[in-house]
Protein backbone atom coordinates (compact mmCIF):
# COMPACT_ATOMS: atom_id res chain seq x y z
CA MET A 1 -1.15 -29.19 3.26
CA THR A 2 -1.75 -28.12 -0.65
CA ASP A 3 -1.72 -31.15 -2.99
CA PHE A 4 0.36 -29.38 -6.30
CA SER A 5 0.23 -32.74 -8.06
CA ASP A 6 -2.94 -32.20 -10.76
CA MET A 7 -2.04 -28.33 -10.81
CA SER A 8 -0.42 -26.70 -14.14
CA ILE A 9 2.41 -24.35 -14.06
CA GLU A 10 0.15 -21.57 -14.12
CA ASP A 11 -2.35 -22.56 -11.95
CA ARG A 12 0.74 -22.88 -9.30
CA LYS A 13 1.99 -19.76 -9.82
CA LEU A 14 -1.70 -18.33 -9.71
CA HIS A 15 -2.23 -20.30 -6.16
CA MET A 16 0.54 -18.48 -5.07
CA GLU A 17 -0.56 -15.03 -6.13
CA LEU A 18 -3.63 -15.59 -4.25
CA GLN A 19 -1.98 -16.35 -0.67
CA TYR A 20 -1.63 -13.58 1.41
CA ILE A 21 1.13 -12.96 3.65
CA LEU A 22 0.67 -11.60 6.76
CA GLN A 23 3.31 -9.09 8.16
CA PRO A 24 3.54 -7.35 11.66
CA LYS A 25 1.53 -4.07 10.65
CA ASP A 26 -1.17 -6.06 9.45
CA LYS A 27 -2.86 -6.40 13.15
CA GLU A 28 -1.70 -2.87 14.21
CA LEU A 29 -3.69 -1.41 11.07
CA LEU A 30 -6.64 -3.97 11.73
CA GLU A 31 -7.03 -2.59 15.23
CA LYS A 32 -7.12 1.02 13.63
CA VAL A 33 -9.67 0.31 11.34
CA GLU A 34 -11.65 -1.56 14.12
CA LYS A 35 -11.41 1.39 16.31
CA LEU A 36 -12.21 3.80 13.47
CA THR A 37 -15.83 1.78 12.49
CA LYS A 38 -16.73 1.32 16.21
CA ASN A 39 -16.92 5.61 16.26
CA ALA A 40 -18.56 5.48 12.86
CA GLU A 41 -21.45 3.09 14.41
CA ARG A 42 -21.74 5.12 17.69
CA CYS A 43 -21.61 8.49 15.76
CA LYS A 44 -24.54 7.60 13.56
CA LYS A 45 -26.61 7.00 17.12
CA GLY A 46 -25.55 10.38 18.30
CA GLY A 47 -22.07 9.25 20.16
CA GLY A 48 -18.67 9.15 19.20
CA SER A 49 -16.07 10.98 19.02
CA LYS A 50 -14.63 13.84 16.48
CA GLU A 51 -11.75 11.51 15.81
CA ARG A 52 -12.66 10.25 12.51
CA ILE A 53 -9.48 10.03 10.63
CA LEU A 54 -6.97 6.90 9.86
CA LEU A 55 -3.70 8.60 8.20
CA VAL A 56 -1.79 5.08 6.63
CA ILE A 57 1.78 5.87 5.85
CA GLY A 58 4.66 4.29 3.92
CA ALA A 59 7.01 3.90 0.88
CA SER A 60 6.02 2.22 -2.09
CA ASP A 61 5.57 -1.18 -1.66
CA THR A 62 5.66 -1.92 1.55
CA GLY A 63 2.01 -3.36 1.52
CA LYS A 64 -0.31 -0.89 2.97
CA SER A 65 -2.41 -0.75 -0.09
CA THR A 66 -2.80 -4.41 -0.05
CA ALA A 67 -3.54 -4.43 4.06
CA LEU A 68 -6.08 -1.93 3.64
CA ALA A 69 -8.10 -3.92 0.68
CA ARG A 70 -7.89 -6.85 2.24
CA ILE A 71 -9.80 -5.09 5.73
CA PHE A 72 -12.04 -3.72 3.28
CA GLY A 73 -13.49 -7.15 1.68
CA ASN A 74 -13.14 -9.10 4.57
CA MET A 75 -14.69 -6.49 7.35
CA GLU A 76 -18.38 -6.57 7.67
CA ALA A 77 -18.86 -2.65 8.07
CA PHE A 78 -17.63 -2.04 4.47
CA GLN A 79 -19.72 -4.76 2.88
CA PRO A 80 -22.68 -3.72 1.08
CA TYR A 81 -26.39 -3.56 2.77
CA GLN A 82 -29.87 -3.04 2.14
CA ASN A 83 -30.85 -0.15 4.39
CA GLU A 84 -34.62 0.81 5.89
CA HIS A 85 -36.27 1.36 2.67
CA GLY A 86 -35.36 -1.10 0.92
CA TYR A 87 -32.04 0.22 -1.24
CA MET A 88 -28.86 -1.13 -1.51
CA VAL A 89 -25.99 0.80 0.08
CA ASN A 90 -22.22 0.37 -0.22
CA PRO A 91 -20.87 2.34 2.56
CA LEU A 92 -17.19 2.24 1.46
CA LEU A 93 -16.11 4.67 -1.44
CA SER A 94 -12.62 3.83 -2.09
CA LEU A 95 -10.31 5.14 -4.98
CA ASN A 96 -6.91 6.46 -6.16
CA CYS A 97 -6.01 10.50 -6.37
CA PRO A 98 -4.98 11.83 -10.01
CA ASN A 99 -1.11 12.52 -9.66
CA SER A 100 -0.75 16.00 -8.82
CA CYS A 101 -4.31 17.09 -7.95
CA SER A 102 -5.83 19.94 -6.14
CA PRO A 103 -8.81 19.63 -4.16
CA LYS A 104 -10.78 21.01 -6.83
CA THR A 105 -9.47 17.82 -9.28
CA LEU A 106 -9.97 15.75 -6.51
CA ALA A 107 -13.59 16.64 -5.88
CA GLY A 108 -14.29 16.22 -9.98
CA ALA A 109 -12.71 12.64 -9.69
CA VAL A 110 -14.94 11.62 -7.04
CA LEU A 111 -18.47 13.29 -8.92
CA GLU A 112 -17.04 10.92 -11.70
CA ARG A 113 -17.64 7.74 -10.14
CA TRP A 114 -20.95 8.67 -9.56
CA ASN A 115 -21.24 10.23 -13.45
CA LEU A 116 -21.52 13.76 -11.85
CA TYR A 117 -19.85 16.64 -13.36
CA ALA A 118 -20.24 20.27 -11.78
CA LYS A 119 -20.18 23.42 -13.97
CA PRO A 120 -16.83 24.21 -15.49
CA ARG A 121 -16.67 27.64 -13.27
CA SER A 122 -17.42 25.77 -10.48
CA SER A 123 -14.98 26.28 -7.39
CA ALA A 124 -13.55 23.88 -5.04
CA ALA A 125 -16.02 25.16 -2.40
CA ASP A 126 -19.11 24.31 -4.54
CA MET A 127 -17.93 21.00 -5.67
CA TRP A 128 -17.03 19.62 -2.63
CA SER A 129 -20.60 21.03 -1.49
CA MET A 130 -22.04 18.30 -4.05
CA VAL A 131 -19.46 15.32 -3.02
CA LYS A 132 -20.50 15.98 0.70
CA ARG A 133 -24.29 15.72 -0.60
CA GLN A 134 -23.80 12.67 -2.72
CA LEU A 135 -21.93 11.12 0.09
CA ARG A 136 -24.46 11.84 2.67
CA GLU A 137 -27.55 10.90 0.76
CA ARG A 138 -25.74 8.00 -0.74
CA GLU A 139 -25.21 6.90 3.04
CA ILE A 140 -21.41 6.04 2.14
CA LEU A 141 -19.78 6.13 5.65
CA TYR A 142 -16.37 5.87 4.49
CA LEU A 143 -14.19 7.53 2.32
CA HIS A 144 -11.20 5.93 1.58
CA LEU A 145 -8.36 7.64 -0.64
CA ASP A 146 -5.25 6.27 -1.93
CA GLU A 147 -2.19 8.30 -2.94
CA MET A 148 -2.95 11.08 -1.05
CA GLN A 149 0.30 12.14 -1.09
CA HIS A 150 -0.80 13.67 -4.78
CA VAL A 151 -3.22 15.94 -2.48
CA SER A 152 -1.02 17.00 0.14
CA THR A 153 2.07 18.27 -2.02
CA GLY A 154 1.93 22.01 -2.24
CA GLU A 155 4.30 24.78 -3.55
CA THR A 156 3.26 27.02 -0.76
CA GLU A 157 2.22 26.93 2.34
CA GLU A 158 -1.12 28.20 1.92
CA ALA A 159 -1.38 25.52 -0.61
CA ILE A 160 -0.86 22.87 2.22
CA ARG A 161 -3.33 24.68 4.81
CA ASP A 162 -5.88 24.42 1.88
CA VAL A 163 -5.84 20.64 1.48
CA GLN A 164 -5.49 20.46 5.31
CA ASP A 165 -8.87 22.40 5.48
CA PHE A 166 -10.74 20.64 3.19
CA VAL A 167 -9.48 17.30 4.88
CA LYS A 168 -11.05 18.58 8.08
CA SER A 169 -14.15 19.74 6.47
CA LEU A 170 -15.15 16.36 5.14
CA THR A 171 -15.36 15.11 9.18
CA GLN A 172 -17.90 17.90 9.55
CA ILE A 173 -20.74 17.16 7.13
CA ASP A 174 -23.94 18.41 8.54
CA GLY A 175 -26.02 15.20 9.36
CA TRP A 176 -23.33 13.18 8.93
CA PRO A 177 -20.50 11.16 10.16
CA LEU A 178 -17.96 10.61 7.57
CA HIS A 179 -14.98 8.68 8.39
CA LEU A 180 -11.66 8.90 6.38
CA ILE A 181 -8.76 6.20 5.76
CA LEU A 182 -6.21 8.51 4.00
CA SER A 183 -3.17 6.40 2.70
CA GLY A 184 -0.43 7.48 0.79
CA MET A 185 3.60 8.17 0.66
CA PRO A 186 5.40 9.99 3.40
CA ALA A 187 4.88 13.13 1.96
CA GLN A 188 1.46 12.58 3.29
CA ARG A 189 2.85 13.47 6.84
CA ARG A 190 2.49 16.99 6.22
CA PHE A 191 -1.35 16.26 7.21
CA MET A 192 -0.05 16.11 10.63
CA ASP A 193 1.46 19.54 10.79
CA SER A 194 -2.11 20.79 11.29
CA ASP A 195 -2.99 20.43 15.25
CA GLU A 196 -6.93 20.06 14.00
CA ILE A 197 -6.34 17.48 11.85
CA ALA A 198 -3.87 15.75 14.41
CA ASN A 199 -6.25 15.74 17.23
CA ARG A 200 -8.87 13.94 14.64
CA ALA A 201 -6.60 11.78 13.23
CA ASP A 202 -4.62 8.20 14.23
CA VAL A 203 -1.50 7.19 12.21
CA GLN A 204 -0.43 3.73 10.85
CA ARG A 205 2.88 3.69 9.84
CA PHE A 206 4.31 1.12 7.08
CA ASP A 207 7.97 1.06 7.18
CA LEU A 208 10.78 -0.04 5.41
CA VAL A 209 12.52 -3.68 6.60
CA LYS A 210 16.25 -3.11 7.55
CA PRO A 211 18.56 -6.13 7.53
CA THR A 212 18.81 -6.14 11.61
CA ALA A 213 19.00 -9.90 12.84
CA LYS A 214 15.49 -9.83 13.89
CA ASN A 215 14.02 -8.77 10.64
CA ILE A 216 16.25 -11.37 8.70
CA GLU A 217 14.98 -14.40 11.16
CA ALA A 218 11.54 -12.91 10.77
CA MET A 219 11.56 -12.52 6.65
CA GLU A 220 13.96 -15.90 6.55
CA LYS A 221 10.35 -17.89 7.86
CA VAL A 222 8.22 -15.62 5.02
CA VAL A 223 10.36 -16.79 2.62
CA ARG A 224 10.53 -20.47 3.49
CA LYS A 225 7.00 -20.25 3.70
CA ILE A 226 6.14 -19.41 0.75
CA VAL A 227 8.84 -21.39 -1.24
CA GLN A 228 7.30 -24.80 0.58
CA GLU A 229 4.38 -23.78 1.49
CA HIS A 230 2.73 -21.56 -1.16
CA ALA A 231 4.90 -22.90 -4.25
CA GLY A 232 5.70 -26.85 -3.07
CA LEU A 233 9.42 -26.58 -3.57
CA GLU A 234 12.25 -27.38 -1.94
CA ILE A 235 15.01 -25.14 0.12
CA GLY A 236 18.16 -24.77 -1.91
CA TRP A 237 20.46 -22.51 0.34
CA THR A 238 22.24 -22.39 3.09
CA GLU A 239 22.63 -20.41 6.33
CA ASP A 240 25.87 -19.10 4.96
CA ASP A 241 24.25 -18.21 1.85
CA GLU A 242 22.74 -14.97 3.57
CA LEU A 243 19.89 -15.41 1.27
CA THR A 244 17.47 -13.20 3.30
CA GLY A 245 19.52 -10.12 3.92
CA ARG A 246 20.58 -10.27 0.78
CA LEU A 247 17.42 -9.99 -0.60
CA ILE A 248 16.60 -6.98 2.16
CA VAL A 249 19.00 -5.06 0.51
CA ALA A 250 17.56 -6.29 -3.26
CA SER A 251 13.64 -5.02 -1.91
CA LYS A 252 15.46 -1.63 -0.42
CA GLY A 253 13.13 -3.19 2.64
CA ALA A 254 9.75 -3.01 0.61
CA PHE A 255 7.62 -6.11 1.99
CA ALA A 256 6.06 -6.35 -1.19
CA THR A 257 8.60 -6.20 -3.33
CA MET A 258 10.65 -8.99 -1.21
CA ILE A 259 7.51 -11.26 -1.50
CA GLY A 260 7.42 -10.44 -5.29
CA ILE A 261 11.09 -11.37 -6.03
CA THR A 262 10.91 -14.78 -3.68
CA ARG A 263 7.21 -15.83 -5.90
CA GLN A 264 9.41 -14.73 -9.28
CA ALA A 265 12.29 -17.24 -8.29
CA CYS A 266 9.68 -19.98 -7.61
CA TYR A 267 8.17 -19.14 -10.74
CA ARG A 268 11.96 -19.85 -12.15
CA VAL A 269 11.78 -22.80 -10.92
CA PHE A 270 8.32 -24.13 -11.93
CA ASP A 271 9.28 -23.10 -15.45
CA SER A 272 11.88 -25.22 -15.48
CA LYS A 273 10.85 -27.81 -14.10
CA ARG A 274 13.09 -28.40 -11.21
CA PRO A 275 12.11 -28.77 -7.62
CA THR A 276 14.14 -26.86 -5.62
CA VAL A 277 14.74 -22.90 -5.56
CA GLU A 278 18.24 -21.74 -5.46
CA ILE A 279 20.03 -18.25 -4.63
CA ALA A 280 21.01 -18.16 -8.31
CA ASP A 281 17.06 -18.12 -8.81
CA PHE A 282 16.81 -15.00 -6.92
CA ALA A 283 19.99 -13.67 -8.66
CA ALA A 284 18.14 -14.40 -12.10
CA ALA A 285 14.61 -12.65 -10.61
CA TYR A 286 16.67 -9.61 -9.40
CA LYS A 287 18.33 -8.97 -12.72
CA THR A 288 15.13 -9.71 -14.23
CA ARG A 289 13.94 -6.23 -12.50
CA ARG A 290 17.15 -4.46 -12.36
CA ALA A 291 18.91 -5.87 -15.51
CA SER A 292 22.24 -5.32 -12.93
CA LEU A 293 25.43 -6.25 -13.44
CA LYS A 294 26.72 -9.24 -11.46
CA SER A 295 28.68 -6.98 -9.03
CA ASP A 296 25.38 -5.01 -8.53
CA ASN A 297 23.55 -8.03 -8.06
CA PRO A 298 23.00 -8.21 -4.19
CA PHE A 299 22.54 -12.11 -4.63
CA THR A 300 26.10 -12.57 -6.18
CA ALA A 301 28.05 -10.14 -5.34
CA SER A 302 30.84 -10.26 -2.37
CA ASP A 303 30.02 -7.20 -0.72
CA TRP A 304 26.48 -7.58 -0.83
CA LYS A 305 25.56 -5.01 1.90
CA SER A 306 26.78 -1.94 -0.18
CA VAL A 307 24.79 -2.71 -3.13
CA ASN A 308 22.25 -0.03 -4.24
CA PRO A 309 19.43 -0.95 -6.17
CA SER A 310 19.03 2.36 -7.31
CA HIS A 311 22.12 2.52 -8.96
CA SER A 312 21.72 -0.76 -11.29
CA LEU A 313 22.31 0.69 -14.22
CA SER A 314 25.18 3.27 -13.50
CA ASP A 315 27.01 1.37 -15.68
CA MET A 316 25.37 2.83 -18.53
CA ASP A 317 25.80 6.22 -17.45
CA GLU A 318 27.87 8.54 -20.01
CA PRO A 319 31.10 9.75 -19.32
CA ASN A 320 30.05 13.04 -18.21
CA GLU A 321 27.52 11.94 -16.15
CA LYS A 322 29.97 9.64 -14.22
CA ARG A 323 31.49 12.99 -13.76
CA LYS A 324 28.74 14.90 -12.41
CA ARG A 325 28.07 12.40 -10.07
CA LYS A 326 31.44 12.59 -8.37
């Protein structure tokens, strides 16, 4: 148990932020990443399969990017090493896709990571040839692209097929078995419309948490762990308060948002120098995020199950806007 007696308030907040909260999807993701890395090592030795893509798909704030970052930081396969020629090699390249980017724009973003730039009139094919050559020469075995939905959205079926073709081509670099980890929002599922991608990929979903009895029980344990073990505070709510169900509604089922609201409730208690976290602290943390009225706050509303956080400012609509919504 952590001794909080000599910690300042800010140190206690930092301590909480440095704690990682495991969710069931973390174990599933780890198993699939391990499968990918083992295949990559076999490919380097002349074996392996063509399954060189892992798609990690989930709504915003479901924890997918944080889970991947934790794996990248801890798993040996992604750590820098010295190759046989004495050069340091970083086997992982991880970057965010630019908003609304084409394969050509994405290629430019990758090249910029190495301070390389293509000629102004270079085609996407030419730019990706440069990228592939660099990936091979730098011995980058894993390419992680986050926010991949920005690339997978296209206005035409042809545009979508172009993206699918370019993704497939990255797993077919001559003499180098590049493996891909592509994470992003649900729009990324369009990749699986291509049989050539589907036959080369595993998929890990990060679903939103629904307020079922089983999920409420599981999340109650998480919330209590944060409050009692990570924050060193006391529980001030009862089962009758239905706090965890309210929290799931308040976060719209996003796991990371639930963690954030719980931490903010604890910070409020720290700042007021109290020992106990009450449901009112959750209500205040939610109000700070959403600026909602009391009747639209899941932690204060009597009919909290019907609250939609997306409508927290709907009372500010102009009269004509209200008519349009009906």
